[in-house]
Amino acid sequence: MPAFARRYGFDIEHPVQWEVEALEPDELQRLVLAAVDPYIDRDVLARQIAREEQQRRALSDFVDGWARAGGGTSP
């Protein structure tokens, strides 16, 4: 993480250890996404996102049907 070291004044030739909790959440997210991005299969990801959306629609349709049938009301 040379960019992080330079940004916060650490010597990249002498690595230091720090707790990830010390990182700002946005910085931690950026670092993690940058680290995994090269390994993401975009086709697999697109198929999975489409499948999740299909499941969301099916669940929503089920809940809507259940509500129309009078189910799902609690006392």
PDB file of N, CA and C in Angstrom:
ATOM      1  N   MET A   1       0.804  -1.163   0.000  1.00  0.00           N
ATOM      2  CA  MET A   1       0.000   0.000   0.000  1.00  0.00           C
ATOM      3  C   MET A   1       0.866   1.252   0.000  1.00  0.00           C
ATOM      4  N   PRO A   2       1.722   1.369  -0.992  1.00  0.00           N
ATOM      5  CA  PRO A   2       2.614   2.529  -1.056  1.00  0.00           C
ATOM      6  C   PRO A   2       1.867   3.860  -1.081  1.00  0.00           C
ATOM      7  N   ALA A   3       0.731   3.918  -1.772  1.00  0.00           N
ATOM      8  CA  ALA A   3      -0.008   5.183  -1.846  1.00  0.00           C
ATOM      9  C   ALA A   3      -0.477   5.610  -0.456  1.00  0.00           C
ATOM     10  N   PHE A   4      -0.969   4.652   0.316  1.00  0.00           N
ATOM     11  CA  PHE A   4      -1.405   4.956   1.687  1.00  0.00           C
ATOM     12  C   PHE A   4      -0.217   5.443   2.505  1.00  0.00           C
ATOM     13  N   ALA A   5       0.912   4.749   2.388  1.00  0.00           N
ATOM     14  CA  ALA A   5       2.101   5.127   3.153  1.00  0.00           C
ATOM     15  C   ALA A   5       2.545   6.544   2.806  1.00  0.00           C
ATOM     16  N   ARG A   6       2.593   6.837   1.513  1.00  0.00           N
ATOM     17  CA  ARG A   6       2.987   8.194   1.107  1.00  0.00           C
ATOM     18  C   ARG A   6       1.975   9.230   1.600  1.00  0.00           C
ATOM     19  N   ARG A   7       0.700   8.889   1.475  1.00  0.00           N
ATOM     20  CA  ARG A   7      -0.364   9.825   1.859  1.00  0.00           C
ATOM     21  C   ARG A   7      -0.268  10.211   3.333  1.00  0.00           C
ATOM     22  N   TYR A   8       0.082   9.243   4.179  1.00  0.00           N
ATOM     23  CA  TYR A   8       0.110   9.502   5.607  1.00  0.00           C
ATOM     24  C   TYR A   8       1.526   9.637   6.169  1.00  0.00           C
ATOM     25  N   GLY A   9       2.513   9.786   5.273  1.00  0.00           N
ATOM     26  CA  GLY A   9       3.869  10.090   5.704  1.00  0.00           C
ATOM     27  C   GLY A   9       4.685   8.926   6.218  1.00  0.00           C
ATOM     28  N   PHE A  10       4.328   7.691   5.847  1.00  0.00           N
ATOM     29  CA  PHE A  10       5.120   6.534   6.257  1.00  0.00           C
ATOM     30  C   PHE A  10       6.225   6.279   5.237  1.00  0.00           C
ATOM     31  N   ASP A  11       7.320   5.732   5.677  1.00  0.00           N
ATOM     32  CA  ASP A  11       8.431   5.372   4.801  1.00  0.00           C
ATOM     33  C   ASP A  11       8.105   4.023   4.159  1.00  0.00           C
ATOM     34  N   ILE A  12       7.894   3.992   2.836  1.00  0.00           N
ATOM     35  CA  ILE A  12       7.514   2.747   2.174  1.00  0.00           C
ATOM     36  C   ILE A  12       8.650   1.726   2.148  1.00  0.00           C
ATOM     37  N   GLU A  13       9.871   2.161   2.429  1.00  0.00           N
ATOM     38  CA  GLU A  13      11.004   1.237   2.506  1.00  0.00           C
ATOM     39  C   GLU A  13      11.043   0.490   3.833  1.00  0.00           C
ATOM     40  N   HIS A  14      10.338   1.005   4.826  1.00  0.00           N
ATOM     41  CA  HIS A  14      10.275   0.393   6.150  1.00  0.00           C
ATOM     42  C   HIS A  14       8.804   0.231   6.529  1.00  0.00           C
ATOM     43  N   PRO A  15       8.211  -0.869   6.090  1.00  0.00           N
ATOM     44  CA  PRO A  15       6.779  -1.061   6.326  1.00  0.00           C
ATOM     45  C   PRO A  15       6.425  -1.011   7.810  1.00  0.00           C
ATOM     46  N   VAL A  16       5.244  -0.545   8.060  1.00  0.00           N
ATOM     47  CA  VAL A  16       4.713  -0.516   9.420  1.00  0.00           C
ATOM     48  C   VAL A  16       3.425  -1.317   9.433  1.00  0.00           C
ATOM     49  N   GLN A  17       3.016  -1.679  10.600  1.00  0.00           N
ATOM     50  CA  GLN A  17       1.768  -2.410  10.766  1.00  0.00           C
ATOM     51  C   GLN A  17       0.770  -1.472  11.423  1.00  0.00           C
ATOM     52  N   TRP A  18      -0.463  -1.534  10.968  1.00  0.00           N
ATOM     53  CA  TRP A  18      -1.508  -0.753  11.594  1.00  0.00           C
ATOM     54  C   TRP A  18      -2.799  -1.542  11.581  1.00  0.00           C
ATOM     55  N   GLU A  19      -3.694  -1.163  12.432  1.00  0.00           N
ATOM     56  CA  GLU A  19      -4.994  -1.822  12.520  1.00  0.00           C
ATOM     57  C   GLU A  19      -5.902  -1.241  11.451  1.00  0.00           C
ATOM     58  N   VAL A  20      -6.648  -2.109  10.757  1.00  0.00           N
ATOM     59  CA  VAL A  20      -7.532  -1.598   9.711  1.00  0.00           C
ATOM     60  C   VAL A  20      -8.618  -0.705  10.292  1.00  0.00           C
ATOM     61  N   GLU A  21      -8.939  -0.880  11.576  1.00  0.00           N
ATOM     62  CA  GLU A  21      -9.933  -0.020  12.197  1.00  0.00           C
ATOM     63  C   GLU A  21      -9.475   1.428  12.227  1.00  0.00           C
ATOM     64  N   ALA A  22      -8.168   1.642  12.107  1.00  0.00           N
ATOM     65  CA  ALA A  22      -7.633   2.996  12.130  1.00  0.00           C
ATOM     66  C   ALA A  22      -7.853   3.718  10.798  1.00  0.00           C
ATOM     67  N   LEU A  23      -8.171   2.968   9.764  1.00  0.00           N
ATOM     68  CA  LEU A  23      -8.411   3.575   8.462  1.00  0.00           C
ATOM     69  C   LEU A  23      -9.805   4.177   8.395  1.00  0.00           C
ATOM     70  N   GLU A  24      -9.921   5.250   7.647  1.00  0.00           N
ATOM     71  CA  GLU A  24     -11.241   5.813   7.381  1.00  0.00           C
ATOM     72  C   GLU A  24     -12.025   4.787   6.569  1.00  0.00           C
ATOM     73  N   PRO A  25     -13.321   4.634   6.808  1.00  0.00           N
ATOM     74  CA  PRO A  25     -14.114   3.642   6.075  1.00  0.00           C
ATOM     75  C   PRO A  25     -14.012   3.785   4.556  1.00  0.00           C
ATOM     76  N   ASP A  26     -14.017   5.012   4.053  1.00  0.00           N
ATOM     77  CA  ASP A  26     -13.906   5.209   2.605  1.00  0.00           C
ATOM     78  C   ASP A  26     -12.557   4.719   2.072  1.00  0.00           C
ATOM     79  N   GLU A  27     -11.509   4.959   2.847  1.00  0.00           N
ATOM     80  CA  GLU A  27     -10.171   4.515   2.438  1.00  0.00           C
ATOM     81  C   GLU A  27     -10.080   2.993   2.468  1.00  0.00           C
ATOM     82  N   LEU A  28     -10.637   2.372   3.501  1.00  0.00           N
ATOM     83  CA  LEU A  28     -10.629   0.920   3.599  1.00  0.00           C
ATOM     84  C   LEU A  28     -11.400   0.305   2.428  1.00  0.00           C
ATOM     85  N   GLN A  29     -12.557   0.863   2.121  1.00  0.00           N
ATOM     86  CA  GLN A  29     -13.353   0.366   0.998  1.00  0.00           C
ATOM     87  C   GLN A  29     -12.574   0.500  -0.311  1.00  0.00           C
ATOM     88  N   ARG A  30     -11.934   1.642  -0.509  1.00  0.00           N
ATOM     89  CA  ARG A  30     -11.165   1.862  -1.738  1.00  0.00           C
ATOM     90  C   ARG A  30     -10.030   0.848  -1.861  1.00  0.00           C
ATOM     91  N   LEU A  31      -9.338   0.609  -0.754  1.00  0.00           N
ATOM     92  CA  LEU A  31      -8.217  -0.336  -0.772  1.00  0.00           C
ATOM     93  C   LEU A  31      -8.686  -1.756  -1.084  1.00  0.00           C
ATOM     94  N   VAL A  32      -9.775  -2.171  -0.444  1.00  0.00           N
ATOM     95  CA  VAL A  32     -10.284  -3.523  -0.664  1.00  0.00           C
ATOM     96  C   VAL A  32     -10.763  -3.679  -2.107  1.00  0.00           C
ATOM     97  N   LEU A  33     -11.530  -2.719  -2.591  1.00  0.00           N
ATOM     98  CA  LEU A  33     -12.029  -2.814  -3.969  1.00  0.00           C
ATOM     99  C   LEU A  33     -10.886  -2.820  -4.978  1.00  0.00           C
ATOM    100  N   ALA A  34      -9.874  -2.010  -4.747  1.00  0.00           N
ATOM    101  CA  ALA A  34      -8.719  -1.981  -5.652  1.00  0.00           C
ATOM    102  C   ALA A  34      -7.974  -3.315  -5.633  1.00  0.00           C
ATOM    103  N   ALA A  35      -7.929  -3.952  -4.463  1.00  0.00           N
ATOM    104  CA  ALA A  35      -7.206  -5.224  -4.343  1.00  0.00           C
ATOM    105  C   ALA A  35      -7.942  -6.370  -5.033  1.00  0.00           C
ATOM    106  N   VAL A  36      -9.277  -6.387  -4.978  1.00  0.00           N
ATOM    107  CA  VAL A  36     -10.018  -7.510  -5.551  1.00  0.00           C
ATOM    108  C   VAL A  36     -10.445  -7.275  -6.998  1.00  0.00           C
ATOM    109  N   ASP A  37     -10.464  -6.030  -7.432  1.00  0.00           N
ATOM    110  CA  ASP A  37     -10.947  -5.707  -8.773  1.00  0.00           C
ATOM    111  C   ASP A  37     -10.308  -6.543  -9.896  1.00  0.00           C
ATOM    112  N   PRO A  38      -8.997  -6.753  -9.882  1.00  0.00           N
ATOM    113  CA  PRO A  38      -8.394  -7.523 -10.983  1.00  0.00           C
ATOM    114  C   PRO A  38      -8.875  -8.977 -11.059  1.00  0.00           C
ATOM    115  N   TYR A  39      -9.458  -9.471  -9.986  1.00  0.00           N
ATOM    116  CA  TYR A  39      -9.872 -10.871  -9.932  1.00  0.00           C
ATOM    117  C   TYR A  39     -11.355 -11.083 -10.209  1.00  0.00           C
ATOM    118  N   ILE A  40     -12.087 -10.013 -10.440  1.00  0.00           N
ATOM    119  CA  ILE A  40     -13.525 -10.114 -10.667  1.00  0.00           C
ATOM    120  C   ILE A  40     -13.801 -10.512 -12.108  1.00  0.00           C
ATOM    121  N   ASP A  41     -14.542 -11.580 -12.281  1.00  0.00           N
ATOM    122  CA  ASP A  41     -14.989 -12.007 -13.611  1.00  0.00           C
ATOM    123  C   ASP A  41     -16.280 -11.242 -13.894  1.00  0.00           C
ATOM    124  N   ARG A  42     -16.209 -10.256 -14.760  1.00  0.00           N
ATOM    125  CA  ARG A  42     -17.339  -9.362 -15.011  1.00  0.00           C
ATOM    126  C   ARG A  42     -18.563 -10.102 -15.564  1.00  0.00           C
ATOM    127  N   ASP A  43     -18.355 -11.137 -16.363  1.00  0.00           N
ATOM    128  CA  ASP A  43     -19.482 -11.904 -16.896  1.00  0.00           C
ATOM    129  C   ASP A  43     -20.214 -12.641 -15.773  1.00  0.00           C
ATOM    130  N   VAL A  44     -19.460 -13.274 -14.898  1.00  0.00           N
ATOM    131  CA  VAL A  44     -20.057 -13.983 -13.768  1.00  0.00           C
ATOM    132  C   VAL A  44     -20.778 -12.987 -12.863  1.00  0.00           C
ATOM    133  N   LEU A  45     -20.170 -11.850 -12.612  1.00  0.00           N
ATOM    134  CA  LEU A  45     -20.781 -10.836 -11.765  1.00  0.00           C
ATOM    135  C   LEU A  45     -22.099 -10.347 -12.376  1.00  0.00           C
ATOM    136  N   ALA A  46     -22.108 -10.076 -13.671  1.00  0.00           N
ATOM    137  CA  ALA A  46     -23.323  -9.601 -14.339  1.00  0.00           C
ATOM    138  C   ALA A  46     -24.437 -10.649 -14.256  1.00  0.00           C
ATOM    139  N   ARG A  47     -24.088 -11.917 -14.456  1.00  0.00           N
ATOM    140  CA  ARG A  47     -25.093 -12.983 -14.348  1.00  0.00           C
ATOM    141  C   ARG A  47     -25.641 -13.089 -12.939  1.00  0.00           C
ATOM    142  N   GLN A  48     -24.774 -12.969 -11.956  1.00  0.00           N
ATOM    143  CA  GLN A  48     -25.207 -13.056 -10.562  1.00  0.00           C
ATOM    144  C   GLN A  48     -26.114 -11.883 -10.205  1.00  0.00           C
ATOM    145  N   ILE A  49     -25.761 -10.696 -10.630  1.00  0.00           N
ATOM    146  CA  ILE A  49     -26.603  -9.528 -10.353  1.00  0.00           C
ATOM    147  C   ILE A  49     -27.967  -9.700 -10.999  1.00  0.00           C
ATOM    148  N   ALA A  50     -28.014 -10.195 -12.238  1.00  0.00           N
ATOM    149  CA  ALA A  50     -29.289 -10.430 -12.927  1.00  0.00           C
ATOM    150  C   ALA A  50     -30.112 -11.477 -12.173  1.00  0.00           C
ATOM    151  N   ARG A  51     -29.452 -12.534 -11.693  1.00  0.00           N
ATOM    152  CA  ARG A  51     -30.151 -13.582 -10.947  1.00  0.00           C
ATOM    153  C   ARG A  51     -30.720 -13.042  -9.638  1.00  0.00           C
ATOM    154  N   GLU A  52     -29.958 -12.217  -8.945  1.00  0.00           N
ATOM    155  CA  GLU A  52     -30.443 -11.626  -7.704  1.00  0.00           C
ATOM    156  C   GLU A  52     -31.638 -10.711  -7.968  1.00  0.00           C
ATOM    157  N   GLU A  53     -31.599  -9.960  -9.048  1.00  0.00           N
ATOM    158  CA  GLU A  53     -32.720  -9.083  -9.388  1.00  0.00           C
ATOM    159  C   GLU A  53     -33.962  -9.915  -9.712  1.00  0.00           C
ATOM    160  N   GLN A  54     -33.785 -11.008 -10.411  1.00  0.00           N
ATOM    161  CA  GLN A  54     -34.908 -11.897 -10.716  1.00  0.00           C
ATOM    162  C   GLN A  54     -35.500 -12.462  -9.418  1.00  0.00           C
ATOM    163  N   GLN A  55     -34.655 -12.854  -8.489  1.00  0.00           N
ATOM    164  CA  GLN A  55     -35.126 -13.377  -7.204  1.00  0.00           C
ATOM    165  C   GLN A  55     -35.851 -12.290  -6.406  1.00  0.00           C
ATOM    166  N   ARG A  56     -35.339 -11.051  -6.453  1.00  0.00           N
ATOM    167  CA  ARG A  56     -35.998  -9.940  -5.772  1.00  0.00           C
ATOM    168  C   ARG A  56     -37.401  -9.705  -6.321  1.00  0.00           C
ATOM    169  N   ARG A  57     -37.525  -9.737  -7.667  1.00  0.00           N
ATOM    170  CA  ARG A  57     -38.841  -9.545  -8.291  1.00  0.00           C
ATOM    171  C   ARG A  57     -39.787 -10.671  -7.904  1.00  0.00           C
ATOM    172  N   ALA A  58     -39.302 -11.912  -7.914  1.00  0.00           N
ATOM    173  CA  ALA A  58     -40.146 -13.052  -7.558  1.00  0.00           C
ATOM    174  C   ALA A  58     -40.612 -12.939  -6.112  1.00  0.00           C
ATOM    175  N   LEU A  59     -39.734 -12.555  -5.211  1.00  0.00           N
ATOM    176  CA  LEU A  59     -40.103 -12.395  -3.814  1.00  0.00           C
ATOM    177  C   LEU A  59     -41.111 -11.256  -3.648  1.00  0.00           C
ATOM    178  N   SER A  60     -40.880 -10.155  -4.337  1.00  0.00           N
ATOM    179  CA  SER A  60     -41.804  -9.025  -4.268  1.00  0.00           C
ATOM    180  C   SER A  60     -43.185  -9.421  -4.796  1.00  0.00           C
ATOM    181  N   ASP A  61     -43.216 -10.157  -5.905  1.00  0.00           N
ATOM    182  CA  ASP A  61     -44.491 -10.633  -6.454  1.00  0.00           C
ATOM    183  C   ASP A  61     -45.201 -11.547  -5.454  1.00  0.00           C
ATOM    184  N   PHE A  62     -44.447 -12.415  -4.793  1.00  0.00           N
ATOM    185  CA  PHE A  62     -45.025 -13.312  -3.794  1.00  0.00           C
ATOM    186  C   PHE A  62     -45.634 -12.520  -2.637  1.00  0.00           C
ATOM    187  N   VAL A  63     -44.864 -11.549  -2.132  1.00  0.00           N
ATOM    188  CA  VAL A  63     -45.341 -10.747  -1.003  1.00  0.00           C
ATOM    189  C   VAL A  63     -46.581  -9.956  -1.410  1.00  0.00           C
ATOM    190  N   ASP A  64     -46.570  -9.385  -2.606  1.00  0.00           N
ATOM    191  CA  ASP A  64     -47.741  -8.648  -3.082  1.00  0.00           C
ATOM    192  C   ASP A  64     -48.956  -9.570  -3.172  1.00  0.00           C
ATOM    193  N   GLY A  65     -48.769 -10.771  -3.708  1.00  0.00           N
ATOM    194  CA  GLY A  65     -49.863 -11.742  -3.794  1.00  0.00           C
ATOM    195  C   GLY A  65     -50.355 -12.157  -2.428  1.00  0.00           C
ATOM    196  N   TRP A  66     -49.455 -12.346  -1.505  1.00  0.00           N
ATOM    197  CA  TRP A  66     -49.804 -12.734  -0.133  1.00  0.00           C
ATOM    198  C   TRP A  66     -50.647 -11.633   0.510  1.00  0.00           C
ATOM    199  N   ALA A  67     -50.211 -10.393   0.311  1.00  0.00           N
ATOM    200  CA  ALA A  67     -50.949  -9.268   0.903  1.00  0.00           C
ATOM    201  C   ALA A  67     -52.347  -9.154   0.275  1.00  0.00           C
ATOM    202  N   ARG A  68     -52.460  -9.333  -1.037  1.00  0.00           N
ATOM    203  CA  ARG A  68     -53.774  -9.276  -1.700  1.00  0.00           C
ATOM    204  C   ARG A  68     -54.690 -10.385  -1.215  1.00  0.00           C
ATOM    205  N   ALA A  69     -54.105 -11.520  -0.856  1.00  0.00           N
ATOM    206  CA  ALA A  69     -54.897 -12.663  -0.387  1.00  0.00           C
ATOM    207  C   ALA A  69     -55.277 -12.523   1.091  1.00  0.00           C
ATOM    208  N   GLY A  70     -54.827 -11.445   1.714  1.00  0.00           N
ATOM    209  CA  GLY A  70     -55.190 -11.222   3.118  1.00  0.00           C
ATOM    210  C   GLY A  70     -54.203 -11.786   4.094  1.00  0.00           C
ATOM    211  N   GLY A  71     -53.102 -12.304   3.632  1.00  0.00           N
ATOM    212  CA  GLY A  71     -52.084 -12.853   4.545  1.00  0.00           C
ATOM    213  C   GLY A  71     -51.146 -11.782   5.020  1.00  0.00           C
ATOM    214  N   GLY A  72     -50.334 -12.149   5.945  1.00  0.00           N
ATOM    215  CA  GLY A  72     -49.249 -11.281   6.382  1.00  0.00           C
ATOM    216  C   GLY A  72     -49.643 -10.185   7.353  1.00  0.00           C
ATOM    217  N   THR A  73     -50.880 -10.134   7.761  1.00  0.00           N
ATOM    218  CA  THR A  73     -51.251  -9.114   8.745  1.00  0.00           C
ATOM    219  C   THR A  73     -51.033  -9.672  10.135  1.00  0.00           C
ATOM    220  N   SER A  74     -50.447  -8.881  10.981  1.00  0.00           N
ATOM    221  CA  SER A  74     -50.218  -9.356  12.342  1.00  0.00           C
ATOM    222  C   SER A  74     -51.149  -8.633  13.289  1.00  0.00           C
ATOM    223  N   PRO A  75     -51.543  -9.293  14.372  1.00  0.00           N
ATOM    224  CA  PRO A  75     -52.493  -8.699  15.338  1.00  0.00           C
ATOM    225  C   PRO A  75     -51.926  -7.508  16.037  1.00  0.00           C
TER     226      PRO A  75
END
